[in-house]
Protein backbone atom coordinates (compact mmCIF):
# COMPACT_ATOMS: atom_id res chain seq x y z
CA MET A 1 -0.21 0.16 0.04
CA THR A 2 1.34 3.42 -0.65
CA THR A 3 1.41 5.54 2.40
CA CYS A 4 2.00 9.09 2.90
CA PRO A 5 5.56 10.36 4.22
CA TYR A 6 3.89 12.81 6.42
CA CYS A 7 1.08 10.71 8.22
CA SER A 8 3.17 7.34 7.70
CA CYS A 9 0.18 4.98 8.15
CA SER A 10 -2.49 7.03 5.79
CA PRO A 11 -2.93 5.49 2.33
CA GLY A 12 -2.60 7.38 -0.50
CA VAL A 13 -5.03 8.23 -3.48
CA PHE A 14 -3.67 7.72 -7.12
CA LEU A 15 -4.01 11.00 -8.83
CA ARG A 16 -2.03 10.68 -12.14
CA THR A 17 0.76 9.32 -13.74
CA PHE A 18 3.38 12.10 -13.25
CA GLN A 19 6.24 11.68 -15.67
CA ILE A 20 8.11 9.10 -17.41
CA LEU A 21 11.79 8.32 -18.44
CA GLY A 22 12.99 5.35 -20.10
CA SER A 23 11.62 2.37 -17.57
CA GLU A 24 11.03 4.71 -14.69
CA GLN A 25 7.07 5.86 -14.39
CA LEU A 26 6.64 8.23 -11.53
CA LYS A 27 3.02 8.33 -9.96
CA LEU A 28 1.49 11.21 -7.92
CA TRP A 29 -0.64 10.31 -5.08
CA ARG A 30 -2.62 12.47 -2.49
CA CYS A 31 -2.90 11.77 1.37
CA GLU A 32 -6.63 11.07 2.14
CA ARG A 33 -5.69 12.43 6.04
CA CYS A 34 -3.60 15.41 5.61
CA SER A 35 -3.96 16.11 1.83
CA SER A 36 -0.32 16.47 1.08
CA GLU A 37 0.92 15.19 -1.80
CA PHE A 38 3.96 12.96 -3.35
CA LEU A 39 5.80 10.44 -5.84
CA ASP A 40 5.82 7.18 -5.39
CA PRO A 41 7.98 5.54 -6.84
CA GLN A 42 10.39 8.28 -6.53
CA PRO A 43 12.78 8.87 -9.44
CA SER A 44 16.22 7.26 -8.94
CA ASP A 45 19.40 8.98 -8.03
CA GLU A 46 20.65 9.25 -11.92
CA TRP A 47 16.86 11.03 -12.82
CA LEU A 48 17.62 13.19 -10.02
CA ALA A 49 21.37 13.77 -11.12
CA LYS A 50 20.01 14.90 -14.46
CA GLU A 51 17.58 17.19 -12.61
CA TYR A 52 20.11 18.83 -10.67
CA SER A 53 22.79 19.30 -13.08
CA GLY A 54 23.32 23.27 -13.98
CA TYR A 55 20.39 23.86 -11.13
CA PHE A 56 21.59 26.90 -9.80
CA SER A 57 23.46 28.66 -12.89
CA MET A 58 19.88 28.33 -14.44
CA ARG A 59 18.17 29.87 -11.73
CA ARG A 60 20.44 32.80 -11.29
CA ALA A 61 20.67 34.05 -14.80
CA ASN A 62 21.87 37.37 -14.32
CA ALA A 63 19.90 38.21 -11.16
CA SER A 64 22.67 40.13 -8.91
CA ASN A 65 20.52 39.73 -5.63
CA PRO A 66 17.26 38.05 -6.29
CA LYS A 67 16.12 37.01 -2.84
CA THR A 68 17.11 39.97 -0.97
CA LEU A 69 13.65 40.70 0.05
CA LEU A 70 12.90 37.00 0.59
CA CYS A 71 15.99 36.74 2.92
CA GLN A 72 14.95 39.68 4.61
CA LEU A 73 11.60 38.39 5.49
CA VAL A 74 12.93 35.16 6.77
CA MET A 75 15.24 37.01 9.24
CA SER A 76 12.33 38.91 10.92
CA LYS A 77 10.91 35.32 12.15
CA LEU A 78 14.07 34.27 13.57
CA GLY A 79 13.16 36.06 17.09
CA GLU A 80 15.55 37.82 19.15
CA LEU A 81 18.96 35.98 18.57
CA PRO A 82 21.74 35.80 21.30
CA PRO A 83 25.21 37.30 20.76
CA ASN A 84 27.15 35.25 18.52
CA PRO A 85 24.38 33.34 17.23
CA THR A 86 24.93 30.01 15.80
CA VAL A 87 22.92 29.40 12.28
CA LEU A 88 22.58 26.58 10.14
CA GLU A 89 20.91 26.80 6.78
CA ILE A 90 20.05 23.56 4.85
CA GLY A 91 20.18 23.77 1.08
CA GLY A 92 21.10 26.95 0.77
CA GLY A 93 23.85 26.78 -2.27
CA GLU A 94 23.04 30.05 -3.69
CA GLY A 95 24.26 31.73 -0.98
CA PHE A 96 21.86 34.71 -0.74
CA PHE A 97 20.54 34.17 2.59
CA VAL A 98 24.20 33.74 4.00
CA GLY A 99 25.15 36.58 2.57
CA GLU A 100 22.01 38.62 3.70
CA LEU A 101 22.52 37.10 7.33
CA LEU A 102 26.12 38.41 7.40
CA LYS A 103 25.21 41.91 6.93
CA ALA A 104 22.61 42.06 9.76
CA ARG A 105 24.40 39.66 12.16
CA PRO A 106 28.31 40.04 10.97
CA ASP A 107 28.53 37.98 14.78
CA ALA A 108 26.72 35.02 13.57
CA ARG A 109 28.46 31.60 13.07
CA ILE A 110 27.02 30.11 10.17
CA SER A 111 27.11 26.02 8.89
CA LEU A 112 25.70 25.43 5.51
CA VAL A 113 24.62 21.98 4.37
CA GLU A 114 24.44 22.18 0.29
CA PRO A 115 26.00 19.37 -2.00
CA GLN A 116 26.20 21.92 -5.09
CA ALA A 117 27.50 24.72 -2.50
CA ASP A 118 30.47 27.22 -3.84
CA PRO A 119 32.71 27.41 -0.88
CA SER A 120 34.45 30.57 -2.45
CA LEU A 121 31.29 32.51 -2.23
CA PHE A 122 31.37 32.83 1.69
CA PRO A 123 34.12 34.18 4.07
CA ALA A 124 35.85 30.99 5.48
CA ASP A 125 36.07 32.26 8.78
CA LYS A 126 32.57 32.99 9.14
CA VAL A 127 30.97 29.85 7.20
CA GLU A 128 31.35 26.40 7.31
CA VAL A 129 30.49 24.96 3.97
CA HIS A 130 29.59 21.27 3.79
CA LYS A 131 29.34 19.85 0.29
CA MET A 132 27.12 16.92 1.06
CA LEU A 133 23.35 16.05 1.25
CA ILE A 134 21.40 16.65 4.96
CA GLU A 135 21.23 13.03 5.36
CA GLU A 136 25.09 12.35 4.88
CA TRP A 137 25.59 15.57 7.09
CA LEU A 138 23.66 14.13 10.26
CA GLU A 139 25.57 10.93 10.03
CA LYS A 140 29.04 12.39 9.56
CA THR A 141 29.41 15.32 11.73
CA PRO A 142 29.08 15.78 15.22
CA PRO A 143 25.74 16.59 16.99
CA GLN A 144 26.29 20.51 17.29
CA GLN A 145 23.18 22.29 18.38
CA TYR A 146 21.98 25.73 16.66
CA ASP A 147 19.94 28.91 17.71
CA VAL A 148 18.34 28.63 14.20
CA ILE A 149 17.77 26.31 11.37
CA VAL A 150 16.32 27.64 8.07
CA ALA A 151 15.17 25.26 5.49
CA MET A 152 13.82 27.29 2.51
CA ASP A 153 12.70 25.16 -0.14
CA LEU A 154 14.29 21.95 1.03
CA ILE A 155 11.63 19.66 2.76
CA GLU A 156 9.94 18.80 -0.86
CA HIS A 157 13.44 17.37 -2.08
CA LEU A 158 13.90 15.10 0.98
CA ARG A 159 13.16 11.23 0.20
CA ASP A 160 12.11 10.74 3.63
CA PRO A 161 11.08 14.39 5.27
CA SER A 162 9.50 13.07 8.12
CA SER A 163 12.60 11.03 9.36
CA VAL A 164 15.45 14.01 8.43
CA MET A 165 13.38 16.80 10.08
CA LYS A 166 13.21 14.48 13.48
CA ARG A 167 16.54 14.45 13.64
CA ILE A 168 17.33 17.90 12.77
CA SER A 169 15.03 19.08 15.38
CA GLU A 170 16.31 16.54 17.94
CA GLU A 171 19.75 16.43 17.29
CA ARG A 172 20.56 19.83 15.66
CA LEU A 173 18.13 22.36 17.27
CA LYS A 174 18.88 24.06 20.82
CA LEU A 175 15.99 23.98 23.22
CA GLY A 176 14.29 27.70 22.46
CA GLY A 177 15.69 27.59 18.68
CA THR A 178 13.79 28.26 15.65
CA LEU A 179 13.21 26.40 12.65
CA VAL A 180 11.96 28.06 9.48
CA ILE A 181 10.85 26.43 6.38
CA THR A 182 9.41 27.61 3.11
CA THR A 183 7.76 25.05 0.81
CA PRO A 184 5.18 24.45 -1.89
CA ASP A 185 1.55 23.82 -0.09
CA ALA A 186 -0.33 21.21 -1.63
CA GLY A 187 -3.34 22.54 -0.42
CA SER A 188 -3.05 25.94 -1.75
CA LEU A 189 -6.00 27.71 -3.86
CA PHE A 190 -3.08 27.89 -6.58
CA ARG A 191 -2.49 24.15 -6.63
CA ARG A 192 -6.21 23.53 -6.99
CA ALA A 193 -6.90 26.18 -9.62
CA LEU A 194 -3.76 25.13 -11.69
CA GLY A 195 -3.86 21.53 -11.64
CA ARG A 196 -1.11 19.83 -13.19
CA PHE A 197 -0.04 23.21 -14.74
CA TRP A 198 0.99 24.33 -10.89
CA PRO A 199 4.75 25.50 -11.65
CA HIS A 200 5.99 23.68 -8.22
CA TYR A 201 5.14 20.16 -10.05
CA LYS A 202 8.76 19.17 -10.93
CA VAL A 203 10.56 15.93 -10.73
CA GLU A 204 12.95 17.08 -8.12
CA HIS A 205 9.99 17.77 -5.58
CA LEU A 206 9.54 14.53 -4.08
CA THR A 207 6.68 15.48 -1.77
CA TYR A 208 4.26 18.58 -1.48
CA PRO A 209 3.19 18.85 2.17
CA SER A 210 -0.11 20.92 3.10
CA THR A 211 -0.86 22.83 6.39
CA GLY A 212 -2.16 19.85 7.67
CA ALA A 213 1.40 17.86 7.09
CA LEU A 214 3.54 20.50 8.76
CA GLU A 215 0.90 20.01 12.01
CA LYS A 216 1.71 16.79 12.05
CA LEU A 217 5.36 16.92 11.30
CA ALA A 218 5.89 19.77 13.98
CA CYS A 219 4.29 17.39 16.49
CA HIS A 220 6.15 14.44 15.60
CA VAL A 221 9.68 16.34 15.82
CA GLY A 222 8.77 18.38 18.99
CA LEU A 223 8.25 21.80 17.61
CA ASP A 224 5.58 24.59 18.44
CA VAL A 225 3.79 26.08 15.62
CA VAL A 226 4.58 29.94 16.03
CA GLU A 227 3.41 30.89 12.58
CA MET A 228 2.14 28.98 9.27
CA LYS A 229 0.88 30.92 6.45
CA PRO A 230 0.55 31.51 2.69
CA LEU A 231 3.82 32.84 1.12
CA ALA A 232 3.87 35.31 -1.74
CA LYS A 233 8.03 35.16 -2.26
CA PRO A 234 9.29 38.60 -3.06
CA LEU A 235 11.64 37.96 -5.80
CA GLN A 236 13.46 39.88 -8.68
CA ILE A 237 11.46 39.81 -12.32
CA GLY A 238 14.81 38.61 -13.55
CA TYR A 239 15.21 35.71 -11.33
CA LEU A 240 11.71 34.61 -11.81
CA ILE A 241 11.65 34.68 -15.52
CA ALA A 242 14.70 32.20 -15.05
CA VAL A 243 13.16 29.71 -13.00
CA LEU A 244 9.98 29.89 -15.20
CA ARG A 245 12.00 29.58 -18.44
CA ASN A 246 13.87 26.31 -17.08
CA PHE A 247 11.73 24.49 -14.42
CA GLY A 248 8.45 22.79 -14.17
CA PRO A 249 5.38 22.06 -16.40
CA LEU A 250 6.01 22.73 -19.83
CA ALA A 251 3.36 25.50 -19.80
CA THR A 252 5.38 27.27 -17.26
CA ARG A 253 8.48 27.42 -19.33
CA TRP A 254 6.67 28.58 -22.31
CA LEU A 255 5.49 31.48 -20.00
CA GLY A 256 9.00 32.11 -19.06
CA ARG A 257 10.18 32.34 -22.62
CA ILE A 258 7.37 34.84 -23.63
CA SER A 259 8.10 36.91 -20.29
CA GLU A 260 11.76 36.70 -21.47
CA CYS A 261 10.87 38.15 -24.86
CA VAL A 262 8.27 40.72 -23.81
CA ILE A 263 9.48 42.14 -20.26
CA PRO A 264 12.57 45.17 -21.01
CA ASP A 265 15.80 44.17 -19.32
CA CYS A 266 15.17 47.78 -17.23
CA MET A 267 12.47 46.04 -15.29
CA ARG A 268 14.51 42.67 -14.55
CA ALA A 269 16.04 44.17 -11.16
CA TYR A 270 12.64 45.12 -9.66
CA HIS A 271 11.06 42.77 -7.14
CA VAL A 272 7.50 41.64 -7.01
CA ARG A 273 5.52 39.13 -4.85
CA LEU A 274 4.19 36.34 -6.97
CA PRO A 275 1.86 34.34 -5.03
CA SER A 276 2.14 30.66 -6.55
CA GLY A 277 0.98 28.69 -3.41
CA GLU A 278 3.94 28.42 -1.09
CA LEU A 279 4.04 28.04 2.64
CA LEU A 280 5.86 29.45 5.61
CA PHE A 281 6.32 27.51 8.61
CA VAL A 282 8.08 29.08 11.87
CA GLY A 283 8.39 26.22 14.62
CA ARG A 284 10.27 26.55 18.22
CA LYS A 285 11.58 23.67 20.13
CA SER A 286 9.87 23.91 23.70
CA GLU A 287 9.66 21.27 26.57
CA ARG A 288 5.88 21.62 26.23
CA ALA A 289 6.24 20.33 23.00
CA LEU A 290 8.81 17.50 23.40
CA SER A 291 6.85 16.25 26.39
CA ALA A 292 3.56 16.05 23.98
CA GLU A 293 5.27 14.04 21.45
């Protein structure tokens, strides 16, 4: 029986064949209990390697600081940080959040876990870069705990999000520490309205959580939910064009190509908020949440 990666024992309802490559056929399912969606079977490592090839260079295009406002928004959710705060960012290979954080808190001590990270982008005395998957990092590094953990656009890429996030919360987040997640929302109005043309439907997105899934996840990993709401990311227009052009359903890619032709260069540095069906989750590790687990 196909089961939900967030509800564990909850059965999935088959929605459609997602994509086919050679002998691999991906199927999309929806959880009856929490309304999350997920791929089963998941793509092979070889298929994912093709999807991730040139990932960040295609996304960044010619945009200089495409996520400045988004990073500042996320930083506003971190709460009051202590002197010399310890921060873990998972999956931030483009380096935008680390750069903005160091501008605001040059005393921060940062660990970055991202298999495609470029260490030359970061000051070695302030940022420890780990070029590996989060699952490998959890196994290989000593269990240091952090004041803040940021996982933007990460959880949907994990093969087993519940078990990985549980280890992150239990082993790497300090009591009273904050975890921030951004992710596509399978229960969003945009997902329902756009159907199979939802731009977040990508082979590398293995699961699509919902608010219900993240509530269950928070309980499972010992977090109080501080905030959970729809997120319209403020992003540079040029960056959005690159993402639309290179990723997601074919209709989305055509939209990106058309936008590239009609939007003048002088407008591409501007930031816009483009709602597309995403979630912002902020959780805090507390004694109460741990005792309720």
